[in-house]
């Protein structure tokens, strides 16, 4: 990813969060208390052949700072510790070629969130992230069937990768129910998990996923995961093979979890400023100038 002022700000804020975590955990140890357990779910989209060595080093880092767990784990072990789950959205073929071999070497389990109606094709959805994967082919159905079930969990990423809150309820039900049924028939096993395309969701989307029979759904909000038994809505942290080593380490440690609060505060401040500007211009709420 390119170096941007926003990236530097996010890194700086996360360093401060990690410093606070270290102080708090050390204080608990001095009091004879065990630090709370924590888990971060990491999500990738693509690992090219050029990025494979970077990804391999990231997995070595993950093993140094956390214990890998499956994304369908019901709850964290009660004794504390740091945990991490590795997931991939979209089901790109380069994940099969470059990421899975490195995960198998290290016995790291993973979950692949699959878009059922684009298997074997080039992506046809709009990509809003820092890296466009539009020319990376999605794995085929045959490749999907051959994935090693010992370390790979297959889950749903809908049928066509829409922005779920923007479609009507009938289409929403088709996307979440249809993808689950199609994958179950294709693989001969139950599909328990779904991740939201673009991380976009609202209450209607979550309710539709419950009705479809999923046991857990994943957003793109970097909160700690599995903090409650039988947690249904779980956060994830977006990562890239090109993340700086310190950046990746902080993501594994959960230090980026402050970002949703910052984004929410920013929205509230901007909303208040817009309201202030409207009052100064003598406009009614929602009224615009010519």
C-alpha atoms as a PDB file:
ATOM      1  CA  UNK A   1       0.000   0.000   0.000  1.00  0.00           C
ATOM      2  CA  UNK A   2       1.240   3.552  -0.649  1.00  0.00           C
ATOM      3  CA  UNK A   3       2.380   5.682   2.258  1.00  0.00           C
ATOM      4  CA  UNK A   4      -0.285   8.307   2.967  1.00  0.00           C
ATOM      5  CA  UNK A   5      -0.863  10.803   5.805  1.00  0.00           C
ATOM      6  CA  UNK A   6      -3.923   8.764   6.840  1.00  0.00           C
ATOM      7  CA  UNK A   7      -1.817   5.595   7.072  1.00  0.00           C
ATOM      8  CA  UNK A   8       0.723   7.391   9.289  1.00  0.00           C
ATOM      9  CA  UNK A   9      -2.051   8.755  11.514  1.00  0.00           C
ATOM     10  CA  UNK A  10      -3.603   5.293  11.893  1.00  0.00           C
ATOM     11  CA  UNK A  11      -0.213   3.806  12.756  1.00  0.00           C
ATOM     12  CA  UNK A  12       0.545   6.517  15.320  1.00  0.00           C
ATOM     13  CA  UNK A  13      -2.817   6.135  17.017  1.00  0.00           C
ATOM     14  CA  UNK A  14      -2.395   2.369  17.131  1.00  0.00           C
ATOM     15  CA  UNK A  15       1.055   2.676  18.710  1.00  0.00           C
ATOM     16  CA  UNK A  16      -0.543   4.729  21.484  1.00  0.00           C
ATOM     17  CA  UNK A  17      -3.283   2.113  21.960  1.00  0.00           C
ATOM     18  CA  UNK A  18      -0.698  -0.664  22.203  1.00  0.00           C
ATOM     19  CA  UNK A  19       1.312   1.362  24.736  1.00  0.00           C
ATOM     20  CA  UNK A  20      -1.841   1.725  26.825  1.00  0.00           C
ATOM     21  CA  UNK A  21      -2.513  -2.018  26.550  1.00  0.00           C
ATOM     22  CA  UNK A  22       0.999  -2.819  27.769  1.00  0.00           C
ATOM     23  CA  UNK A  23       0.634  -0.519  30.784  1.00  0.00           C
ATOM     24  CA  UNK A  24      -2.764  -1.972  31.666  1.00  0.00           C
ATOM     25  CA  UNK A  25      -1.651  -5.582  31.362  1.00  0.00           C
ATOM     26  CA  UNK A  26       1.490  -4.938  33.408  1.00  0.00           C
ATOM     27  CA  UNK A  27      -0.630  -3.309  36.107  1.00  0.00           C
ATOM     28  CA  UNK A  28      -2.899  -6.373  36.189  1.00  0.00           C
ATOM     29  CA  UNK A  29       0.116  -8.660  36.535  1.00  0.00           C
ATOM     30  CA  UNK A  30       1.419  -6.594  39.467  1.00  0.00           C
ATOM     31  CA  UNK A  31      -1.956  -7.066  41.124  1.00  0.00           C
ATOM     32  CA  UNK A  32      -1.789 -10.803  40.524  1.00  0.00           C
ATOM     33  CA  UNK A  33      -4.507 -10.702  37.852  1.00  0.00           C
ATOM     34  CA  UNK A  34      -4.324 -12.561  34.557  1.00  0.00           C
ATOM     35  CA  UNK A  35      -4.551 -10.342  31.439  1.00  0.00           C
ATOM     36  CA  UNK A  36      -7.764 -10.811  29.524  1.00  0.00           C
ATOM     37  CA  UNK A  37      -7.651 -13.021  26.438  1.00  0.00           C
ATOM     38  CA  UNK A  38      -8.111 -11.327  23.074  1.00  0.00           C
ATOM     39  CA  UNK A  39      -8.498 -12.333  19.457  1.00  0.00           C
ATOM     40  CA  UNK A  40      -8.249 -10.519  16.137  1.00  0.00           C
ATOM     41  CA  UNK A  41      -9.694 -11.852  12.880  1.00  0.00           C
ATOM     42  CA  UNK A  42      -7.470 -10.825   9.969  1.00  0.00           C
ATOM     43  CA  UNK A  43      -8.840 -10.613   6.445  1.00  0.00           C
ATOM     44  CA  UNK A  44      -6.912 -10.646   3.167  1.00  0.00           C
ATOM     45  CA  UNK A  45      -8.189 -10.425  -0.397  1.00  0.00           C
ATOM     46  CA  UNK A  46      -5.175 -11.314  -2.522  1.00  0.00           C
ATOM     47  CA  UNK A  47      -1.636 -12.705  -2.244  1.00  0.00           C
ATOM     48  CA  UNK A  48       0.275 -12.503  -5.517  1.00  0.00           C
ATOM     49  CA  UNK A  49       3.385 -14.532  -6.300  1.00  0.00           C
ATOM     50  CA  UNK A  50       5.497 -11.413  -5.696  1.00  0.00           C
ATOM     51  CA  UNK A  51       3.836 -10.950  -2.299  1.00  0.00           C
ATOM     52  CA  UNK A  52       4.205 -14.563  -1.174  1.00  0.00           C
ATOM     53  CA  UNK A  53       7.518 -14.002   0.719  1.00  0.00           C
ATOM     54  CA  UNK A  54       5.952 -11.001   2.485  1.00  0.00           C
ATOM     55  CA  UNK A  55       2.911 -13.073   3.414  1.00  0.00           C
ATOM     56  CA  UNK A  56       5.139 -15.882   4.707  1.00  0.00           C
ATOM     57  CA  UNK A  57       6.978 -13.440   6.986  1.00  0.00           C
ATOM     58  CA  UNK A  58       3.652 -12.132   8.247  1.00  0.00           C
ATOM     59  CA  UNK A  59       2.551 -15.632   9.182  1.00  0.00           C
ATOM     60  CA  UNK A  60       5.820 -16.108  11.103  1.00  0.00           C
ATOM     61  CA  UNK A  61       5.070 -12.853  12.925  1.00  0.00           C
ATOM     62  CA  UNK A  62       1.552 -14.016  13.698  1.00  0.00           C
ATOM     63  CA  UNK A  63       2.912 -17.201  15.303  1.00  0.00           C
ATOM     64  CA  UNK A  64       5.278 -15.154  17.477  1.00  0.00           C
ATOM     65  CA  UNK A  65       2.557 -12.904  18.879  1.00  0.00           C
ATOM     66  CA  UNK A  66      -0.639 -14.968  18.802  1.00  0.00           C
ATOM     67  CA  UNK A  67      -2.018 -18.489  18.676  1.00  0.00           C
ATOM     68  CA  UNK A  68      -3.974 -19.267  15.483  1.00  0.00           C
ATOM     69  CA  UNK A  69      -7.615 -20.296  15.906  1.00  0.00           C
ATOM     70  CA  UNK A  70     -10.430 -21.109  13.510  1.00  0.00           C
ATOM     71  CA  UNK A  71     -12.964 -18.416  12.639  1.00  0.00           C
ATOM     72  CA  UNK A  72     -15.805 -20.739  13.666  1.00  0.00           C
ATOM     73  CA  UNK A  73     -14.516 -21.080  17.237  1.00  0.00           C
ATOM     74  CA  UNK A  74     -17.416 -20.767  19.686  1.00  0.00           C
ATOM     75  CA  UNK A  75     -15.494 -18.863  22.368  1.00  0.00           C
ATOM     76  CA  UNK A  76     -11.923 -18.106  23.390  1.00  0.00           C
ATOM     77  CA  UNK A  77     -10.177 -20.400  25.883  1.00  0.00           C
ATOM     78  CA  UNK A  78     -10.773 -19.166  29.463  1.00  0.00           C
ATOM     79  CA  UNK A  79      -7.092 -18.822  30.398  1.00  0.00           C
ATOM     80  CA  UNK A  80      -6.394 -15.655  28.463  1.00  0.00           C
ATOM     81  CA  UNK A  81      -3.686 -15.151  25.859  1.00  0.00           C
ATOM     82  CA  UNK A  82      -3.602 -13.656  22.375  1.00  0.00           C
ATOM     83  CA  UNK A  83      -5.266 -15.360  19.432  1.00  0.00           C
ATOM     84  CA  UNK A  84      -5.710 -14.637  15.723  1.00  0.00           C
ATOM     85  CA  UNK A  85      -7.825 -16.083  12.922  1.00  0.00           C
ATOM     86  CA  UNK A  86      -6.831 -15.743   9.260  1.00  0.00           C
ATOM     87  CA  UNK A  87      -9.534 -15.271   6.626  1.00  0.00           C
ATOM     88  CA  UNK A  88      -9.708 -14.452   2.918  1.00  0.00           C
ATOM     89  CA  UNK A  89     -12.535 -12.745   1.058  1.00  0.00           C
ATOM     90  CA  UNK A  90     -13.518 -13.334  -2.591  1.00  0.00           C
ATOM     91  CA  UNK A  91     -11.785 -16.701  -3.147  1.00  0.00           C
ATOM     92  CA  UNK A  92      -9.040 -15.583  -5.508  1.00  0.00           C
ATOM     93  CA  UNK A  93      -6.999 -18.280  -7.245  1.00  0.00           C
ATOM     94  CA  UNK A  94      -3.766 -16.694  -6.028  1.00  0.00           C
ATOM     95  CA  UNK A  95      -4.786 -17.614  -2.482  1.00  0.00           C
ATOM     96  CA  UNK A  96      -4.672 -21.278  -3.506  1.00  0.00           C
ATOM     97  CA  UNK A  97      -1.345 -20.782  -5.276  1.00  0.00           C
ATOM     98  CA  UNK A  98       0.495 -18.545  -2.800  1.00  0.00           C
ATOM     99  CA  UNK A  99      -1.208 -18.313   0.607  1.00  0.00           C
ATOM    100  CA  UNK A 100      -2.420 -21.835   1.351  1.00  0.00           C
ATOM    101  CA  UNK A 101       1.009 -23.483   0.925  1.00  0.00           C
ATOM    102  CA  UNK A 102       2.472 -21.084   3.512  1.00  0.00           C
ATOM    103  CA  UNK A 103      -0.434 -21.714   5.883  1.00  0.00           C
ATOM    104  CA  UNK A 104      -0.083 -25.488   5.522  1.00  0.00           C
ATOM    105  CA  UNK A 105       3.650 -25.290   6.335  1.00  0.00           C
ATOM    106  CA  UNK A 106       2.771 -23.596   9.611  1.00  0.00           C
ATOM    107  CA  UNK A 107      -0.470 -25.495  10.396  1.00  0.00           C
ATOM    108  CA  UNK A 108      -2.416 -22.226  10.480  1.00  0.00           C
ATOM    109  CA  UNK A 109      -6.150 -22.763   9.886  1.00  0.00           C
ATOM    110  CA  UNK A 110      -8.015 -20.388   7.611  1.00  0.00           C
ATOM    111  CA  UNK A 111     -11.478 -19.515   6.328  1.00  0.00           C
ATOM    112  CA  UNK A 112     -12.212 -18.667   2.690  1.00  0.00           C
ATOM    113  CA  UNK A 113     -15.322 -16.587   2.035  1.00  0.00           C
ATOM    114  CA  UNK A 114     -16.570 -17.589  -1.420  1.00  0.00           C
ATOM    115  CA  UNK A 115     -18.741 -15.741  -3.965  1.00  0.00           C
ATOM    116  CA  UNK A 116     -20.642 -18.608  -5.530  1.00  0.00           C
ATOM    117  CA  UNK A 117     -21.629 -17.129  -8.899  1.00  0.00           C
ATOM    118  CA  UNK A 118     -18.165 -15.988 -10.023  1.00  0.00           C
ATOM    119  CA  UNK A 119     -16.150 -19.178  -9.498  1.00  0.00           C
ATOM    120  CA  UNK A 120     -13.590 -19.552 -12.284  1.00  0.00           C
ATOM    121  CA  UNK A 121     -14.219 -16.026 -13.578  1.00  0.00           C
ATOM    122  CA  UNK A 122     -12.686 -12.574 -13.331  1.00  0.00           C
ATOM    123  CA  UNK A 123     -14.308 -10.357 -10.666  1.00  0.00           C
ATOM    124  CA  UNK A 124     -17.118  -8.170 -11.991  1.00  0.00           C
ATOM    125  CA  UNK A 125     -17.789  -6.108  -8.865  1.00  0.00           C
ATOM    126  CA  UNK A 126     -16.510  -2.636  -8.065  1.00  0.00           C
ATOM    127  CA  UNK A 127     -13.489  -2.584  -5.797  1.00  0.00           C
ATOM    128  CA  UNK A 128     -13.056   0.305  -3.336  1.00  0.00           C
ATOM    129  CA  UNK A 129      -9.858  -0.750  -1.561  1.00  0.00           C
ATOM    130  CA  UNK A 130      -6.268   0.385  -2.106  1.00  0.00           C
ATOM    131  CA  UNK A 131      -5.495  -2.546  -4.399  1.00  0.00           C
ATOM    132  CA  UNK A 132      -7.697  -3.479  -7.370  1.00  0.00           C
ATOM    133  CA  UNK A 133      -7.971  -7.266  -7.777  1.00  0.00           C
ATOM    134  CA  UNK A 134     -10.078  -7.008 -10.948  1.00  0.00           C
ATOM    135  CA  UNK A 135      -7.515  -8.896 -13.055  1.00  0.00           C
ATOM    136  CA  UNK A 136      -7.022 -11.697 -10.521  1.00  0.00           C
ATOM    137  CA  UNK A 137      -9.132 -14.746 -11.433  1.00  0.00           C
ATOM    138  CA  UNK A 138     -11.419 -16.333  -8.844  1.00  0.00           C
ATOM    139  CA  UNK A 139     -10.695 -19.998  -8.091  1.00  0.00           C
ATOM    140  CA  UNK A 140     -12.728 -22.608  -9.937  1.00  0.00           C
ATOM    141  CA  UNK A 141     -15.299 -24.961  -8.449  1.00  0.00           C
ATOM    142  CA  UNK A 142     -12.875 -27.841  -8.979  1.00  0.00           C
ATOM    143  CA  UNK A 143     -10.152 -26.020  -7.028  1.00  0.00           C
ATOM    144  CA  UNK A 144     -12.644 -25.237  -4.284  1.00  0.00           C
ATOM    145  CA  UNK A 145     -13.582 -28.906  -3.934  1.00  0.00           C
ATOM    146  CA  UNK A 146      -9.919 -29.934  -3.637  1.00  0.00           C
ATOM    147  CA  UNK A 147      -8.979 -27.551  -0.828  1.00  0.00           C
ATOM    148  CA  UNK A 148      -7.546 -29.322   2.252  1.00  0.00           C
ATOM    149  CA  UNK A 149     -10.443 -29.468   4.700  1.00  0.00           C
ATOM    150  CA  UNK A 150      -8.047 -30.097   7.595  1.00  0.00           C
ATOM    151  CA  UNK A 151      -7.057 -26.426   7.679  1.00  0.00           C
ATOM    152  CA  UNK A 152      -9.574 -24.715   5.343  1.00  0.00           C
ATOM    153  CA  UNK A 153     -13.105 -23.735   6.318  1.00  0.00           C
ATOM    154  CA  UNK A 154     -15.374 -22.663   3.438  1.00  0.00           C
ATOM    155  CA  UNK A 155     -17.868 -19.879   4.080  1.00  0.00           C
ATOM    156  CA  UNK A 156     -20.158 -17.564   2.147  1.00  0.00           C
ATOM    157  CA  UNK A 157     -19.450 -14.128   0.706  1.00  0.00           C
ATOM    158  CA  UNK A 158     -22.880 -13.996  -1.030  1.00  0.00           C
ATOM    159  CA  UNK A 159     -23.708 -14.981  -4.616  1.00  0.00           C
ATOM    160  CA  UNK A 160     -22.662 -11.857  -6.566  1.00  0.00           C
ATOM    161  CA  UNK A 161     -20.876  -9.495  -4.090  1.00  0.00           C
ATOM    162  CA  UNK A 162     -23.476  -6.689  -3.843  1.00  0.00           C
ATOM    163  CA  UNK A 163     -23.584  -3.884  -1.277  1.00  0.00           C
ATOM    164  CA  UNK A 164     -26.116  -5.688   0.892  1.00  0.00           C
ATOM    165  CA  UNK A 165     -27.788  -2.679   2.595  1.00  0.00           C
ATOM    166  CA  UNK A 166     -28.555  -1.210  -0.850  1.00  0.00           C
ATOM    167  CA  UNK A 167     -30.622  -4.111  -2.219  1.00  0.00           C
ATOM    168  CA  UNK A 168     -34.269  -4.973  -1.481  1.00  0.00           C
ATOM    169  CA  UNK A 169     -35.224  -7.635   1.043  1.00  0.00           C
ATOM    170  CA  UNK A 170     -36.111 -10.250  -1.563  1.00  0.00           C
ATOM    171  CA  UNK A 171     -32.744  -9.896  -3.277  1.00  0.00           C
ATOM    172  CA  UNK A 172     -31.007  -9.811   0.105  1.00  0.00           C
ATOM    173  CA  UNK A 173     -32.580 -13.144   1.071  1.00  0.00           C
ATOM    174  CA  UNK A 174     -31.532 -14.637  -2.269  1.00  0.00           C
ATOM    175  CA  UNK A 175     -27.928 -13.503  -1.810  1.00  0.00           C
ATOM    176  CA  UNK A 176     -27.442 -14.876   1.696  1.00  0.00           C
ATOM    177  CA  UNK A 177     -29.652 -17.971   1.492  1.00  0.00           C
ATOM    178  CA  UNK A 178     -28.718 -18.896  -2.073  1.00  0.00           C
ATOM    179  CA  UNK A 179     -24.978 -18.770  -1.510  1.00  0.00           C
ATOM    180  CA  UNK A 180     -25.245 -20.902   1.615  1.00  0.00           C
ATOM    181  CA  UNK A 181     -27.384 -23.531  -0.117  1.00  0.00           C
ATOM    182  CA  UNK A 182     -25.199 -23.612  -3.224  1.00  0.00           C
ATOM    183  CA  UNK A 183     -21.968 -24.071  -1.271  1.00  0.00           C
ATOM    184  CA  UNK A 184     -23.520 -26.748   0.936  1.00  0.00           C
ATOM    185  CA  UNK A 185     -24.669 -28.709  -2.113  1.00  0.00           C
ATOM    186  CA  UNK A 186     -21.331 -28.247  -3.877  1.00  0.00           C
ATOM    187  CA  UNK A 187     -19.201 -29.379  -0.926  1.00  0.00           C
ATOM    188  CA  UNK A 188     -21.528 -31.707   0.937  1.00  0.00           C
ATOM    189  CA  UNK A 189     -21.166 -29.928   4.264  1.00  0.00           C
ATOM    190  CA  UNK A 190     -22.867 -27.248   6.322  1.00  0.00           C
ATOM    191  CA  UNK A 191     -21.961 -23.598   5.718  1.00  0.00           C
ATOM    192  CA  UNK A 192     -21.944 -21.718   9.011  1.00  0.00           C
ATOM    193  CA  UNK A 193     -20.246 -18.373   8.328  1.00  0.00           C
ATOM    194  CA  UNK A 194     -20.712 -15.338   6.062  1.00  0.00           C
ATOM    195  CA  UNK A 195     -18.745 -12.136   5.573  1.00  0.00           C
ATOM    196  CA  UNK A 196     -20.359  -8.961   4.240  1.00  0.00           C
ATOM    197  CA  UNK A 197     -19.096  -7.718   0.854  1.00  0.00           C
ATOM    198  CA  UNK A 198     -17.362  -4.355   1.363  1.00  0.00           C
ATOM    199  CA  UNK A 199     -18.007  -4.865   5.084  1.00  0.00           C
ATOM    200  CA  UNK A 200     -21.387  -3.176   4.561  1.00  0.00           C
ATOM    201  CA  UNK A 201     -24.317  -4.163   6.770  1.00  0.00           C
ATOM    202  CA  UNK A 202     -27.283  -2.888   8.761  1.00  0.00           C
ATOM    203  CA  UNK A 203     -29.878  -4.462  11.057  1.00  0.00           C
ATOM    204  CA  UNK A 204     -31.886  -5.860   8.138  1.00  0.00           C
ATOM    205  CA  UNK A 205     -28.779  -7.582   6.747  1.00  0.00           C
ATOM    206  CA  UNK A 206     -27.910  -9.127  10.103  1.00  0.00           C
ATOM    207  CA  UNK A 207     -31.508 -10.318  10.576  1.00  0.00           C
ATOM    208  CA  UNK A 208     -31.542 -11.878   7.085  1.00  0.00           C
ATOM    209  CA  UNK A 209     -28.370 -13.795   7.907  1.00  0.00           C
ATOM    210  CA  UNK A 210     -29.876 -15.118  11.137  1.00  0.00           C
ATOM    211  CA  UNK A 211     -32.965 -16.285   9.262  1.00  0.00           C
ATOM    212  CA  UNK A 212     -30.771 -17.956   6.629  1.00  0.00           C
ATOM    213  CA  UNK A 213     -29.246 -20.164   9.338  1.00  0.00           C
ATOM    214  CA  UNK A 214     -25.729 -18.742   9.670  1.00  0.00           C
ATOM    215  CA  UNK A 215     -24.019 -19.151  13.027  1.00  0.00           C
ATOM    216  CA  UNK A 216     -21.739 -16.107  12.670  1.00  0.00           C
ATOM    217  CA  UNK A 217     -21.294 -13.152  10.326  1.00  0.00           C
ATOM    218  CA  UNK A 218     -18.248 -10.907   9.863  1.00  0.00           C
ATOM    219  CA  UNK A 219     -17.976  -7.168   9.340  1.00  0.00           C
ATOM    220  CA  UNK A 220     -14.951  -5.033   8.433  1.00  0.00           C
ATOM    221  CA  UNK A 221     -14.835  -3.245  11.797  1.00  0.00           C
ATOM    222  CA  UNK A 222     -11.547  -4.045  13.593  1.00  0.00           C
ATOM    223  CA  UNK A 223     -12.940  -4.876  17.018  1.00  0.00           C
ATOM    224  CA  UNK A 224     -11.651  -7.731  19.142  1.00  0.00           C
ATOM    225  CA  UNK A 225     -13.408 -10.951  18.111  1.00  0.00           C
ATOM    226  CA  UNK A 226     -15.174 -13.675  20.088  1.00  0.00           C
ATOM    227  CA  UNK A 227     -15.392 -11.534  23.208  1.00  0.00           C
ATOM    228  CA  UNK A 228     -18.755 -13.112  24.012  1.00  0.00           C
ATOM    229  CA  UNK A 229     -19.772 -16.799  23.876  1.00  0.00           C
ATOM    230  CA  UNK A 230     -21.761 -17.630  20.716  1.00  0.00           C
ATOM    231  CA  UNK A 231     -20.991 -14.169  19.309  1.00  0.00           C
ATOM    232  CA  UNK A 232     -22.975 -13.632  16.082  1.00  0.00           C
ATOM    233  CA  UNK A 233     -21.630 -10.360  14.625  1.00  0.00           C
ATOM    234  CA  UNK A 234     -17.825 -10.367  14.651  1.00  0.00           C
ATOM    235  CA  UNK A 235     -15.308  -7.725  13.591  1.00  0.00           C
ATOM    236  CA  UNK A 236     -12.260  -8.196  11.367  1.00  0.00           C
ATOM    237  CA  UNK A 237      -9.069  -6.285  10.607  1.00  0.00           C
ATOM    238  CA  UNK A 238      -8.114  -5.749   6.969  1.00  0.00           C
ATOM    239  CA  UNK A 239      -4.493  -6.652   6.217  1.00  0.00           C
ATOM    240  CA  UNK A 240      -2.262  -6.682   3.140  1.00  0.00           C
ATOM    241  CA  UNK A 241       0.961  -8.564   2.422  1.00  0.00           C
ATOM    242  CA  UNK A 242       2.560  -5.163   1.831  1.00  0.00           C
ATOM    243  CA  UNK A 243       1.779  -3.872   5.325  1.00  0.00           C
ATOM    244  CA  UNK A 244       4.859  -2.623   7.156  1.00  0.00           C
ATOM    245  CA  UNK A 245       6.116  -5.132   9.771  1.00  0.00           C
ATOM    246  CA  UNK A 246       5.192  -2.807  12.658  1.00  0.00           C
ATOM    247  CA  UNK A 247       1.813  -2.172  11.027  1.00  0.00           C
ATOM    248  CA  UNK A 248       1.053  -5.878  10.746  1.00  0.00           C
ATOM    249  CA  UNK A 249       2.240  -6.595  14.285  1.00  0.00           C
ATOM    250  CA  UNK A 250      -0.065  -3.895  15.684  1.00  0.00           C
ATOM    251  CA  UNK A 251      -2.975  -5.316  13.701  1.00  0.00           C
ATOM    252  CA  UNK A 252      -2.343  -8.796  15.132  1.00  0.00           C
ATOM    253  CA  UNK A 253      -2.276  -7.266  18.628  1.00  0.00           C
ATOM    254  CA  UNK A 254      -5.608  -5.518  18.071  1.00  0.00           C
ATOM    255  CA  UNK A 255      -4.204  -2.004  18.364  1.00  0.00           C
ATOM    256  CA  UNK A 256      -6.264  -0.733  15.410  1.00  0.00           C
ATOM    257  CA  UNK A 257      -9.537  -1.308  17.250  1.00  0.00           C
ATOM    258  CA  UNK A 258      -9.829   2.426  18.018  1.00  0.00           C
ATOM    259  CA  UNK A 259     -10.585   3.273  14.373  1.00  0.00           C
ATOM    260  CA  UNK A 260     -14.380   2.655  14.454  1.00  0.00           C
ATOM    261  CA  UNK A 261     -14.701   5.015  17.420  1.00  0.00           C
ATOM    262  CA  UNK A 262     -12.653   7.655  15.592  1.00  0.00           C
ATOM    263  CA  UNK A 263     -14.796   7.299  12.442  1.00  0.00           C
ATOM    264  CA  UNK A 264     -17.989   7.614  14.507  1.00  0.00           C
ATOM    265  CA  UNK A 265     -16.659  10.717  16.274  1.00  0.00           C
ATOM    266  CA  UNK A 266     -15.695  12.244  12.923  1.00  0.00           C
ATOM    267  CA  UNK A 267     -19.221  11.691  11.557  1.00  0.00           C
ATOM    268  CA  UNK A 268     -20.775  13.311  14.620  1.00  0.00           C
ATOM    269  CA  UNK A 269     -18.443  16.320  14.462  1.00  0.00           C
ATOM    270  CA  UNK A 270     -19.044  16.845  10.734  1.00  0.00           C
ATOM    271  CA  UNK A 271     -22.797  16.513  11.226  1.00  0.00           C
ATOM    272  CA  UNK A 272     -22.725  19.114  13.986  1.00  0.00           C
ATOM    273  CA  UNK A 273     -20.566  21.460  11.906  1.00  0.00           C
ATOM    274  CA  UNK A 274     -22.948  21.162   8.958  1.00  0.00           C
ATOM    275  CA  UNK A 275     -25.850  21.972  11.278  1.00  0.00           C
ATOM    276  CA  UNK A 276     -23.939  24.971  12.660  1.00  0.00           C
ATOM    277  CA  UNK A 277     -23.217  26.256   9.154  1.00  0.00           C
ATOM    278  CA  UNK A 278     -26.860  25.887   8.167  1.00  0.00           C
ATOM    279  CA  UNK A 279     -28.001  27.895  11.197  1.00  0.00           C
ATOM    280  CA  UNK A 280     -25.503  30.644  10.412  1.00  0.00           C
ATOM    281  CA  UNK A 281     -26.919  30.867   6.889  1.00  0.00           C
ATOM    282  CA  UNK A 282     -30.483  30.956   8.204  1.00  0.00           C
ATOM    283  CA  UNK A 283     -31.390  27.639   6.561  1.00  0.00           C
ATOM    284  CA  UNK A 284     -33.789  25.063   7.912  1.00  0.00           C
ATOM    285  CA  UNK A 285     -32.386  21.571   8.693  1.00  0.00           C
ATOM    286  CA  UNK A 286     -31.764  19.729   5.436  1.00  0.00           C
ATOM    287  CA  UNK A 287     -32.361  22.826   3.296  1.00  0.00           C
ATOM    288  CA  UNK A 288     -29.682  23.631   0.710  1.00  0.00           C
ATOM    289  CA  UNK A 289     -28.457  26.833  -0.816  1.00  0.00           C
ATOM    290  CA  UNK A 290     -29.186  27.531  -4.489  1.00  0.00           C
END
